[in-house]
Amino acid sequence: MQPTLTLLPRSPEQTLYCFRRVDSRFDFDWHHHREYELTWIGESHGRRFVGDAIEEYQPGELVLLGPHLPHTWASSAPAGPDAVHEAVVITFDDDWVVSFIDHCPEFRAVSSLLQAARSGVVFDPERVAALRPRIEALVDLPATDQLLELLAILQRLADDDKARQLVSDGYLQHSRSHDARAQRMLEHILNHVDQPLQQADVAARVGMTPAAFSRFFRRVTGRGFVEYVHELRVGQACRLLIETDWPVSRICFEVGFGNLANFNRVFRRLKAMPPRGFRQRFAQPAPARDAASSQSACGSPVKTR
């Protein structure tokens, strides 16, 4: 299932577009757009899809998404004809933020937050509860006050040390490091992830002994070589499960796994569900109202400073 590109109704004179969404339910609408999106959930519950992260959501959650990150919220069936699902949605480009930060280094942490948002970020509930009145009031403010208040909210969120990344690195296919040797190493892995990969071969490519490479790799990525490769392959498998109708067996070999049993085992360990179950979540996006809350295994802490 390919995400739909959505053009948001914002004029050239607007820095941001802020609105309150009120519906009888939030339908599954797999889409992306060029703007950042900050979404606060009011009176709704259901299942949130962001990249390869599938989680149950509840009232009061706040999520920041980067440009062109596929996403949707799919509410569970309303309890009755008068049920209401409500959210506050704020979308904005980052050009003005970058320009502002160039002149105001006090807001540098906001720049780091926006970089983290390219993986999707869900914030600490206590931090969100404290910001709730300001987020709800944002919709009704004059345009200039909206801009100033959004900056203040982003600054508060940039200090949230309990914020959590949603989307796996494998899905995004990007490196966290700017070191030239690390970049060369990770680009080689990414470009050959669908082929047999041996740690010793990659170590030789960057001119390191296996032991030195192992330490270097863990320092750069925060995980071991095999674990990193598995995350890349499963992330790419998630994309193919979402965007194609290929059989699981084909996807297994397309992303570089040597056999189906190992693919299923690794996929289940990283995503807490089998590949077919992951695909079925997109075919049946809305959970039952009393479904037990479960989170995908891709979440990790976000460092914004």
Protein backbone atom coordinates (compact mmCIF):
# COMPACT_ATOMS: atom_id res chain seq x y z
CA MET A 1 0.00 0.00 0.00
CA GLN A 2 1.66 3.21 -1.18
CA PRO A 3 1.05 6.26 1.04
CA THR A 4 -0.84 9.12 -0.61
CA LEU A 5 0.87 12.49 -0.93
CA THR A 6 -1.39 15.05 0.76
CA LEU A 7 -1.23 18.78 -0.01
CA LEU A 8 -2.24 20.70 3.09
CA PRO A 9 -4.42 23.83 2.76
CA ARG A 10 -1.85 26.43 3.78
CA SER A 11 -1.39 29.75 1.95
CA PRO A 12 2.09 31.24 1.26
CA GLU A 13 1.33 33.84 3.94
CA GLN A 14 0.97 31.15 6.62
CA THR A 15 3.93 29.77 8.55
CA LEU A 16 1.85 27.02 10.10
CA TYR A 17 -1.56 25.44 9.69
CA CYS A 18 -3.39 24.57 12.90
CA PHE A 19 -6.85 23.03 13.23
CA ARG A 20 -9.05 20.99 15.53
CA ARG A 21 -10.18 17.73 13.96
CA VAL A 22 -13.54 16.40 15.14
CA ASP A 23 -15.08 13.28 13.55
CA SER A 24 -17.32 10.38 14.45
CA ARG A 25 -14.20 8.24 13.86
CA PHE A 26 -10.71 8.60 12.41
CA ASP A 27 -10.61 6.50 9.26
CA PHE A 28 -7.46 4.74 8.04
CA ASP A 29 -5.78 7.18 5.62
CA TRP A 30 -2.19 6.15 4.89
CA HIS A 31 -0.56 9.39 3.70
CA HIS A 32 2.43 11.71 3.93
CA HIS A 33 3.16 15.40 3.34
CA ARG A 34 6.11 17.77 3.14
CA GLU A 35 5.35 19.47 6.45
CA TYR A 36 6.15 18.51 10.02
CA GLU A 37 3.08 17.47 11.98
CA LEU A 38 2.42 17.78 15.71
CA THR A 39 -0.74 15.87 16.69
CA TRP A 40 -2.37 15.86 20.13
CA ILE A 41 -5.14 13.31 20.67
CA GLY A 42 -8.11 14.52 22.69
CA GLU A 43 -11.09 12.20 22.88
CA SER A 44 -10.07 9.20 20.80
CA HIS A 45 -8.50 5.77 20.99
CA GLY A 46 -7.47 3.25 18.39
CA ARG A 47 -4.36 2.29 16.45
CA ARG A 48 -1.58 4.60 15.27
CA PHE A 49 0.52 3.74 12.19
CA VAL A 50 3.79 5.61 11.62
CA GLY A 51 6.24 4.08 9.15
CA ASP A 52 6.75 0.55 10.45
CA ALA A 53 5.54 1.35 13.98
CA ILE A 54 2.06 0.10 14.87
CA GLU A 55 0.83 0.99 18.37
CA GLU A 56 -2.40 1.51 20.23
CA TYR A 57 -3.08 5.15 21.08
CA GLN A 58 -5.10 6.71 23.89
CA PRO A 59 -6.43 10.19 24.74
CA GLY A 60 -3.72 12.65 25.68
CA GLU A 61 -0.86 11.40 23.49
CA LEU A 62 1.32 13.84 21.53
CA VAL A 63 3.35 12.83 18.46
CA LEU A 64 5.72 14.85 16.27
CA LEU A 65 6.32 13.58 12.72
CA GLY A 66 8.91 14.69 10.19
CA PRO A 67 8.33 15.47 6.50
CA HIS A 68 7.16 12.65 4.22
CA LEU A 69 6.90 10.12 7.04
CA PRO A 70 3.86 7.93 6.20
CA HIS A 71 1.27 7.87 8.97
CA THR A 72 -2.36 7.62 10.00
CA TRP A 73 -4.51 7.30 13.11
CA ALA A 74 -7.35 4.76 12.82
CA SER A 75 -9.87 4.96 15.65
CA SER A 76 -11.75 1.97 16.95
CA ALA A 77 -15.49 1.80 16.39
CA PRO A 78 -17.46 4.50 18.27
CA ALA A 79 -19.33 3.36 21.38
CA GLY A 80 -22.53 4.97 20.11
CA PRO A 81 -23.99 7.34 17.52
CA ASP A 82 -22.93 10.40 19.51
CA ALA A 83 -19.31 9.35 19.99
CA VAL A 84 -16.71 11.96 19.05
CA HIS A 85 -13.06 11.58 18.14
CA GLU A 86 -11.05 14.78 18.51
CA ALA A 87 -7.48 15.90 17.89
CA VAL A 88 -5.48 19.11 17.52
CA VAL A 89 -3.19 19.05 14.48
CA ILE A 90 -0.38 21.55 13.83
CA THR A 91 1.62 21.39 10.59
CA PHE A 92 4.56 23.56 9.59
CA ASP A 93 7.65 23.77 7.36
CA ASP A 94 11.07 23.83 8.93
CA ASP A 95 12.52 26.68 6.83
CA TRP A 96 11.41 29.34 9.28
CA VAL A 97 12.66 27.35 12.27
CA VAL A 98 16.13 26.91 10.74
CA SER A 99 16.32 30.61 9.89
CA PHE A 100 15.17 31.56 13.38
CA ILE A 101 17.66 29.26 15.10
CA ASP A 102 20.51 30.68 13.02
CA HIS A 103 19.91 33.97 14.83
CA CYS A 104 18.75 32.58 18.19
CA PRO A 105 21.05 29.80 19.40
CA GLU A 106 18.95 29.49 22.58
CA PHE A 107 16.54 27.44 20.42
CA ARG A 108 19.19 25.05 19.12
CA ALA A 109 17.56 22.17 20.98
CA VAL A 110 14.47 22.63 18.80
CA SER A 111 16.60 21.92 15.74
CA SER A 112 17.70 18.62 17.28
CA LEU A 113 14.08 17.78 18.08
CA LEU A 114 13.05 18.35 14.48
CA GLN A 115 15.85 16.10 13.30
CA ALA A 116 14.65 13.38 15.68
CA ALA A 117 11.09 13.87 14.37
CA ARG A 118 12.12 12.37 11.03
CA SER A 119 11.85 9.05 12.89
CA GLY A 120 8.61 10.08 14.60
CA VAL A 121 8.60 11.01 18.30
CA VAL A 122 6.00 10.28 20.99
CA PHE A 123 6.33 12.35 24.15
CA ASP A 124 6.14 11.63 27.87
CA PRO A 125 2.50 11.71 29.07
CA GLU A 126 3.32 13.89 32.08
CA ARG A 127 5.04 16.48 29.88
CA VAL A 128 2.08 16.41 27.49
CA ALA A 129 -0.46 16.82 30.30
CA ALA A 130 1.33 19.97 31.45
CA LEU A 131 1.25 21.37 27.91
CA ARG A 132 -2.35 20.36 27.15
CA PRO A 133 -3.99 23.77 27.89
CA ARG A 134 -1.50 25.54 25.64
CA ILE A 135 -1.93 23.04 22.81
CA GLU A 136 -5.72 23.22 22.95
CA ALA A 137 -5.67 27.04 23.05
CA LEU A 138 -3.33 27.26 20.07
CA VAL A 139 -6.12 26.76 17.54
CA ASP A 140 -7.95 29.94 18.55
CA LEU A 141 -4.94 32.27 18.78
CA PRO A 142 -4.14 34.97 16.19
CA ALA A 143 -1.56 33.88 13.61
CA THR A 144 1.37 35.72 15.20
CA ASP A 145 0.59 34.36 18.66
CA GLN A 146 0.26 30.84 17.20
CA LEU A 147 3.79 31.07 15.85
CA LEU A 148 5.28 32.29 19.14
CA GLU A 149 3.37 29.73 21.17
CA LEU A 150 4.41 26.88 18.89
CA LEU A 151 8.05 27.83 19.38
CA ALA A 152 7.55 27.82 23.14
CA ILE A 153 5.86 24.39 23.01
CA LEU A 154 8.61 22.92 20.83
CA GLN A 155 11.22 24.26 23.24
CA ARG A 156 9.49 22.51 26.14
CA LEU A 157 9.26 19.28 24.15
CA ALA A 158 12.94 19.47 23.21
CA ASP A 159 13.77 19.03 26.92
CA ASP A 160 11.72 15.82 27.22
CA ASP A 161 14.27 13.14 28.09
CA LYS A 162 11.53 10.50 28.10
CA ALA A 163 10.54 11.07 24.47
CA ARG A 164 10.62 7.89 22.37
CA GLN A 165 11.48 7.21 18.73
CA LEU A 166 8.76 5.42 16.78
CA VAL A 167 10.19 4.32 13.43
CA SER A 168 13.07 1.88 13.05
CA ASP A 169 16.34 2.93 11.41
CA GLY A 170 15.88 0.11 8.92
CA TYR A 171 12.64 1.61 7.66
CA LEU A 172 14.14 5.05 7.22
CA GLN A 173 17.43 3.75 5.80
CA HIS A 174 19.61 6.54 7.10
CA SER A 175 22.73 6.84 9.20
CA ARG A 176 23.00 8.57 12.56
CA SER A 177 26.69 9.32 12.12
CA HIS A 178 28.54 12.04 10.20
CA ASP A 179 31.96 10.39 10.63
CA ALA A 180 33.34 9.72 7.14
CA ARG A 181 34.50 6.17 7.92
CA ALA A 182 31.26 5.35 9.73
CA GLN A 183 29.26 6.81 6.86
CA ARG A 184 31.20 4.71 4.35
CA MET A 185 30.73 1.60 6.48
CA LEU A 186 27.00 2.07 6.98
CA GLU A 187 26.39 3.00 3.34
CA HIS A 188 28.09 -0.22 2.27
CA ILE A 189 25.87 -2.23 4.61
CA LEU A 190 22.75 -0.45 3.40
CA ASN A 191 23.66 -0.92 -0.28
CA HIS A 192 24.32 -4.63 0.22
CA VAL A 193 21.81 -5.45 2.94
CA ASP A 194 19.89 -7.73 0.56
CA GLN A 195 23.05 -9.80 0.02
CA PRO A 196 25.12 -12.02 2.33
CA LEU A 197 27.00 -9.76 4.77
CA GLN A 198 29.89 -10.84 6.96
CA GLN A 199 31.29 -8.62 9.70
CA ALA A 200 34.87 -9.56 8.82
CA ASP A 201 34.39 -8.47 5.20
CA VAL A 202 32.97 -5.07 6.20
CA ALA A 203 35.78 -4.61 8.74
CA ALA A 204 38.38 -5.27 6.03
CA ARG A 205 36.66 -2.77 3.74
CA VAL A 206 37.16 0.04 6.26
CA GLY A 207 40.67 -1.14 7.20
CA MET A 208 39.99 -2.40 10.71
CA THR A 209 40.63 -5.62 12.57
CA PRO A 210 37.47 -7.57 13.52
CA ALA A 211 37.88 -6.71 17.22
CA ALA A 212 38.42 -2.98 16.57
CA PHE A 213 35.56 -2.96 14.08
CA SER A 214 33.21 -4.56 16.62
CA ARG A 215 33.95 -1.82 19.18
CA PHE A 216 33.76 0.92 16.56
CA PHE A 217 30.48 -0.37 15.15
CA ARG A 218 28.81 -0.55 18.55
CA ARG A 219 29.99 2.96 19.40
CA VAL A 220 28.56 4.34 16.13
CA THR A 221 25.26 2.47 16.05
CA GLY A 222 24.63 1.52 19.67
CA ARG A 223 24.18 -2.15 18.75
CA GLY A 224 26.02 -5.17 17.39
CA PHE A 225 26.62 -5.86 13.69
CA VAL A 226 24.13 -8.73 13.34
CA GLU A 227 21.45 -6.86 15.30
CA TYR A 228 21.90 -3.78 13.10
CA VAL A 229 21.67 -5.79 9.87
CA HIS A 230 18.56 -7.57 11.15
CA GLU A 231 16.91 -4.23 11.96
CA LEU A 232 17.69 -2.90 8.48
CA ARG A 233 16.31 -6.01 6.80
CA VAL A 234 13.16 -6.13 8.92
CA GLY A 235 12.60 -2.40 8.35
CA GLN A 236 12.80 -2.91 4.61
CA ALA A 237 10.55 -5.97 4.91
CA CYS A 238 7.97 -3.82 6.71
CA ARG A 239 7.99 -1.36 3.83
CA LEU A 240 7.42 -4.18 1.32
CA LEU A 241 4.67 -5.74 3.45
CA ILE A 242 2.90 -2.36 3.50
CA GLU A 243 3.47 -1.23 -0.07
CA THR A 244 3.32 -4.49 -2.08
CA ASP A 245 1.27 -7.66 -2.22
CA TRP A 246 4.33 -9.88 -2.58
CA PRO A 247 4.20 -13.14 -0.65
CA VAL A 248 6.14 -13.23 2.60
CA SER A 249 8.53 -15.82 1.19
CA ARG A 250 9.56 -13.47 -1.63
CA ILE A 251 10.02 -10.54 0.76
CA CYS A 252 12.17 -12.73 3.00
CA PHE A 253 14.74 -13.29 0.24
CA GLU A 254 14.40 -9.80 -1.26
CA VAL A 255 15.65 -8.21 1.96
CA GLY A 256 18.57 -10.61 2.40
CA PHE A 257 17.43 -13.39 4.74
CA GLY A 258 18.70 -16.82 3.79
CA ASN A 259 15.69 -18.81 4.92
CA LEU A 260 12.08 -18.20 5.82
CA ALA A 261 12.22 -19.69 9.32
CA ASN A 262 14.99 -17.31 10.39
CA PHE A 263 13.18 -14.36 8.81
CA ASN A 264 9.98 -15.15 10.71
CA ARG A 265 11.87 -15.62 13.96
CA VAL A 266 13.79 -12.32 13.69
CA PHE A 267 10.73 -10.41 12.49
CA ARG A 268 8.64 -11.64 15.42
CA ARG A 269 11.41 -10.75 17.89
CA LEU A 270 11.72 -7.17 16.58
CA LYS A 271 8.06 -6.44 15.88
CA ALA A 272 6.30 -8.67 18.42
CA MET A 273 4.20 -10.18 15.64
CA PRO A 274 4.76 -12.35 12.53
CA PRO A 275 5.07 -10.74 9.05
CA ARG A 276 1.55 -11.78 8.05
CA GLY A 277 0.17 -10.29 11.25
CA PHE A 278 2.00 -7.03 10.52
CA ARG A 279 0.48 -6.87 7.03
CA GLN A 280 -2.97 -7.71 8.39
CA ARG A 281 -2.79 -4.70 10.74
CA PHE A 282 -2.87 -2.49 7.64
CA ALA A 283 -5.72 -4.48 6.09
CA GLN A 284 -7.73 -4.19 9.34
CA PRO A 285 -6.39 -0.98 10.91
CA ALA A 286 -9.00 -0.30 13.59
CA PRO A 287 -8.69 -2.42 16.76
CA ALA A 288 -11.59 -3.55 18.89
CA ARG A 289 -12.46 -1.06 21.62
CA ASP A 290 -11.37 -3.38 24.40
CA ALA A 291 -8.25 -4.67 22.66
CA ALA A 292 -5.22 -4.95 24.86
CA SER A 293 -2.69 -2.21 24.27
CA SER A 294 0.44 -3.41 22.52
CA GLN A 295 3.42 -1.58 21.08
CA SER A 296 5.79 -2.43 18.29
CA ALA A 297 9.31 -3.25 19.31
CA CYS A 298 10.94 -0.45 17.33
CA GLY A 299 10.56 2.29 19.93
CA SER A 300 13.73 3.68 21.49
CA PRO A 301 14.63 6.78 23.50
CA VAL A 302 15.16 10.04 21.65
CA LYS A 303 18.02 12.37 22.45
CA THR A 304 17.30 15.93 21.39
CA ARG A 305 20.17 17.75 23.03
